């Protein structure tokens, strides 16, 4: 009997995970000329990849996203300027928020590498249609920062993409584009990927 079971398993087509799930590192640039606090919501992350179907209308491509890490690299402060401080605040409804901060000097530019703490909102998946206005983290950046985010993403089988109004220039109907990290019209601009010029 054991030989028969082994033969049956050898001839069986192996199972596989049919859900399309992948990881990617995105890079953004702080294009504002002022120190700005950016509230990053579930909806912002779900809308990071979109398809422009009309001049001012697009469809989001992702149905699920999970934020794994944020890295901020700021420029070096000049010797006659105030120190540059950057931070990431992770929000939570199960306990206090947690903030990671760094201040640079003319010799050492500020750098942050941080992941969502346990039980922070960002430690859970964000799914289309569920609490999309929740703020996962607040990024306090200075001009000319580079912000890298690492995301897990899902394209759900059979899900209807969410339509949204967008504005800007630089892409044409039918193109896939990357949205600003802080949403349409924000200042955290995608690097090395087709994007609207808001």
Protein backbone atom coordinates (compact mmCIF):
# COMPACT_ATOMS: atom_id res chain seq x y z
CA UNK A 1 0.00 0.00 0.00
CA UNK A 2 2.83 2.36 0.82
CA UNK A 3 4.35 1.86 -2.63
CA UNK A 4 1.00 2.65 -4.26
CA UNK A 5 0.68 5.88 -2.23
CA UNK A 6 4.21 6.92 -3.15
CA UNK A 7 3.55 6.30 -6.85
CA UNK A 8 0.34 8.34 -6.64
CA UNK A 9 2.18 11.27 -5.03
CA UNK A 10 4.93 11.14 -7.64
CA UNK A 11 2.35 11.48 -10.42
CA UNK A 12 0.33 14.19 -8.69
CA UNK A 13 0.62 17.77 -10.05
CA UNK A 14 2.17 19.77 -7.18
CA UNK A 15 0.16 22.50 -5.50
CA UNK A 16 1.20 26.14 -5.92
CA UNK A 17 0.22 29.57 -4.61
CA UNK A 18 -1.89 31.15 -7.34
CA UNK A 19 -2.23 34.55 -5.64
CA UNK A 20 0.10 37.06 -7.32
CA UNK A 21 2.25 38.44 -4.50
CA UNK A 22 5.57 40.24 -4.80
CA UNK A 23 8.01 42.55 -2.99
CA UNK A 24 9.55 45.79 -4.21
CA UNK A 25 11.67 48.68 -2.98
CA UNK A 26 10.32 52.09 -4.01
CA UNK A 27 12.31 55.32 -3.89
CA UNK A 28 10.92 58.83 -3.43
CA UNK A 29 12.41 62.32 -3.32
CA UNK A 30 11.31 65.18 -1.06
CA UNK A 31 10.58 67.90 -3.58
CA UNK A 32 9.24 70.47 -1.10
CA UNK A 33 11.46 73.41 -0.17
CA UNK A 34 10.30 73.29 3.47
CA UNK A 35 10.47 70.77 6.29
CA UNK A 36 7.23 68.83 5.91
CA UNK A 37 5.37 66.18 7.94
CA UNK A 38 3.79 63.62 5.59
CA UNK A 39 0.96 61.43 6.87
CA UNK A 40 1.09 58.16 4.91
CA UNK A 41 -2.26 56.36 4.81
CA UNK A 42 -3.36 52.88 3.79
CA UNK A 43 -4.93 54.45 0.70
CA UNK A 44 -1.64 56.14 -0.25
CA UNK A 45 0.17 52.79 -0.27
CA UNK A 46 -2.65 51.00 -2.08
CA UNK A 47 -2.48 53.69 -4.77
CA UNK A 48 1.27 53.62 -5.34
CA UNK A 49 0.88 51.84 -8.72
CA UNK A 50 -1.89 52.95 -11.09
CA UNK A 51 -3.05 52.82 -14.70
CA UNK A 52 -4.21 56.05 -16.35
CA UNK A 53 -7.39 55.26 -18.29
CA UNK A 54 -8.52 58.85 -18.93
CA UNK A 55 -6.82 62.24 -18.75
CA UNK A 56 -7.80 62.80 -15.11
CA UNK A 57 -8.81 59.29 -14.01
CA UNK A 58 -6.86 56.16 -13.14
CA UNK A 59 -7.27 52.71 -11.64
CA UNK A 60 -5.24 51.39 -8.74
CA UNK A 61 -3.48 48.12 -9.52
CA UNK A 62 -2.93 46.76 -6.00
CA UNK A 63 -5.52 45.12 -3.79
CA UNK A 64 -3.29 44.57 -0.76
CA UNK A 65 -0.06 46.08 0.53
CA UNK A 66 2.13 45.76 3.63
CA UNK A 67 4.83 48.24 4.62
CA UNK A 68 7.98 46.44 5.74
CA UNK A 69 10.63 49.15 6.10
CA UNK A 70 11.31 52.86 5.66
CA UNK A 71 14.75 54.34 5.07
CA UNK A 72 15.39 58.10 4.93
CA UNK A 73 18.67 59.63 3.79
CA UNK A 74 18.98 63.38 4.22
CA UNK A 75 21.60 65.71 2.76
CA UNK A 76 24.55 66.96 4.76
CA UNK A 77 23.87 70.15 6.71
CA UNK A 78 26.06 73.11 5.82
CA UNK A 79 28.37 74.41 8.54
CA UNK A 80 26.38 77.64 8.97
CA UNK A 81 22.89 76.08 9.02
CA UNK A 82 20.84 74.55 11.81
CA UNK A 83 21.15 70.78 12.31
CA UNK A 84 18.84 68.69 10.13
CA UNK A 85 16.41 66.37 11.92
CA UNK A 86 14.30 63.65 10.30
CA UNK A 87 11.87 61.19 11.86
CA UNK A 88 9.30 58.45 11.30
CA UNK A 89 6.39 58.10 13.70
CA UNK A 90 4.60 54.73 13.67
CA UNK A 91 0.96 55.08 14.71
CA UNK A 92 -1.04 52.55 16.72
CA UNK A 93 -4.52 52.07 18.15
CA UNK A 94 -3.34 49.30 20.51
CA UNK A 95 -0.81 51.40 22.40
CA UNK A 96 1.30 54.54 22.14
CA UNK A 97 2.84 55.65 18.87
CA UNK A 98 6.55 55.05 18.40
CA UNK A 99 8.87 57.63 16.84
CA UNK A 100 12.36 57.09 15.42
CA UNK A 101 14.46 60.24 14.91
CA UNK A 102 17.95 61.25 13.85
CA UNK A 103 19.76 64.59 13.73
CA UNK A 104 22.73 65.19 11.45
CA UNK A 105 25.81 67.38 11.54
CA UNK A 106 27.96 68.84 8.77
CA UNK A 107 30.09 65.66 8.98
CA UNK A 108 27.31 63.10 9.47
CA UNK A 109 24.04 63.47 7.53
CA UNK A 110 20.96 62.08 9.28
CA UNK A 111 19.89 58.54 8.42
CA UNK A 112 16.89 56.47 9.53
CA UNK A 113 16.26 52.78 8.90
CA UNK A 114 13.12 51.55 10.66
CA UNK A 115 10.42 48.88 10.43
CA UNK A 116 6.87 48.95 11.81
CA UNK A 117 6.83 47.99 15.50
CA UNK A 118 4.66 45.12 16.64
CA UNK A 119 0.97 46.10 16.84
CA UNK A 120 1.48 49.38 14.98
CA UNK A 121 -1.06 49.96 12.21
CA UNK A 122 1.65 49.50 9.59
CA UNK A 123 2.54 46.04 10.92
CA UNK A 124 -0.71 44.71 9.41
CA UNK A 125 -1.82 44.37 5.78
CA UNK A 126 -3.75 47.20 4.15
CA UNK A 127 -6.58 45.96 1.93
CA UNK A 128 -8.78 47.75 -0.58
CA UNK A 129 -11.92 49.15 1.02
CA UNK A 130 -10.84 48.69 4.66
CA UNK A 131 -9.94 51.79 6.73
CA UNK A 132 -8.01 53.36 3.86
CA UNK A 133 -7.83 56.72 5.66
CA UNK A 134 -5.85 55.23 8.57
CA UNK A 135 -2.48 56.97 8.99
CA UNK A 136 0.19 54.25 9.15
CA UNK A 137 3.13 56.55 9.77
CA UNK A 138 4.15 60.19 9.71
CA UNK A 139 7.39 60.97 7.86
CA UNK A 140 9.10 64.20 8.85
CA UNK A 141 11.50 65.01 6.03
CA UNK A 142 13.75 67.88 5.05
CA UNK A 143 14.28 69.19 1.50
CA UNK A 144 16.19 66.86 -0.82
CA UNK A 145 15.72 63.73 1.29
CA UNK A 146 15.50 60.34 -0.35
CA UNK A 147 12.87 58.03 1.15
CA UNK A 148 12.94 54.31 0.36
CA UNK A 149 10.02 52.06 1.26
CA UNK A 150 9.87 48.27 1.02
CA UNK A 151 6.43 46.86 0.30
CA UNK A 152 4.77 43.45 0.02
CA UNK A 153 2.00 43.69 -2.58
CA UNK A 154 -0.90 41.55 -3.77
CA UNK A 155 -2.95 41.47 -6.98
CA UNK A 156 -6.13 39.76 -5.82
CA UNK A 157 -7.76 37.33 -8.23
CA UNK A 158 -10.95 38.74 -9.73
CA UNK A 159 -10.95 41.99 -7.79
CA UNK A 160 -12.28 45.08 -9.55
CA UNK A 161 -9.65 47.88 -9.53
CA UNK A 162 -10.57 51.05 -7.64
CA UNK A 163 -10.96 54.17 -9.78
CA UNK A 164 -9.65 57.53 -8.59
CA UNK A 165 -9.32 61.11 -9.83
CA UNK A 166 -5.77 62.29 -10.53
CA UNK A 167 -4.18 65.42 -11.94
CA UNK A 168 -0.84 66.44 -13.35
CA UNK A 169 1.26 66.17 -16.50
CA UNK A 170 3.90 63.87 -17.87
CA UNK A 171 2.02 60.66 -18.66
CA UNK A 172 -0.49 59.63 -21.30
CA UNK A 173 -3.64 57.54 -21.25
CA UNK A 174 -2.87 53.82 -21.08
CA UNK A 175 0.38 54.16 -19.13
CA UNK A 176 1.13 52.57 -15.78
CA UNK A 177 2.57 55.12 -13.37
CA UNK A 178 3.78 55.48 -9.81
CA UNK A 179 1.89 57.82 -7.51
CA UNK A 180 3.52 60.18 -5.01
CA UNK A 181 4.07 58.39 -1.70
CA UNK A 182 1.93 61.02 0.04
CA UNK A 183 -0.82 60.87 -2.62
CA UNK A 184 -1.72 62.83 -5.72
CA UNK A 185 -0.44 66.40 -5.45
CA UNK A 186 1.98 65.57 -2.66
CA UNK A 187 5.70 66.27 -2.55
CA UNK A 188 7.29 62.81 -2.12
CA UNK A 189 8.05 62.30 -5.81
CA UNK A 190 8.81 58.85 -7.33
CA UNK A 191 12.39 58.35 -8.52
CA UNK A 192 13.18 56.54 -11.81
CA UNK A 193 9.59 55.61 -12.62
CA UNK A 194 6.89 57.20 -14.77
CA UNK A 195 4.92 59.65 -12.62
CA UNK A 196 2.66 62.68 -12.78
CA UNK A 197 4.33 66.06 -12.43
CA UNK A 198 1.85 67.57 -9.98
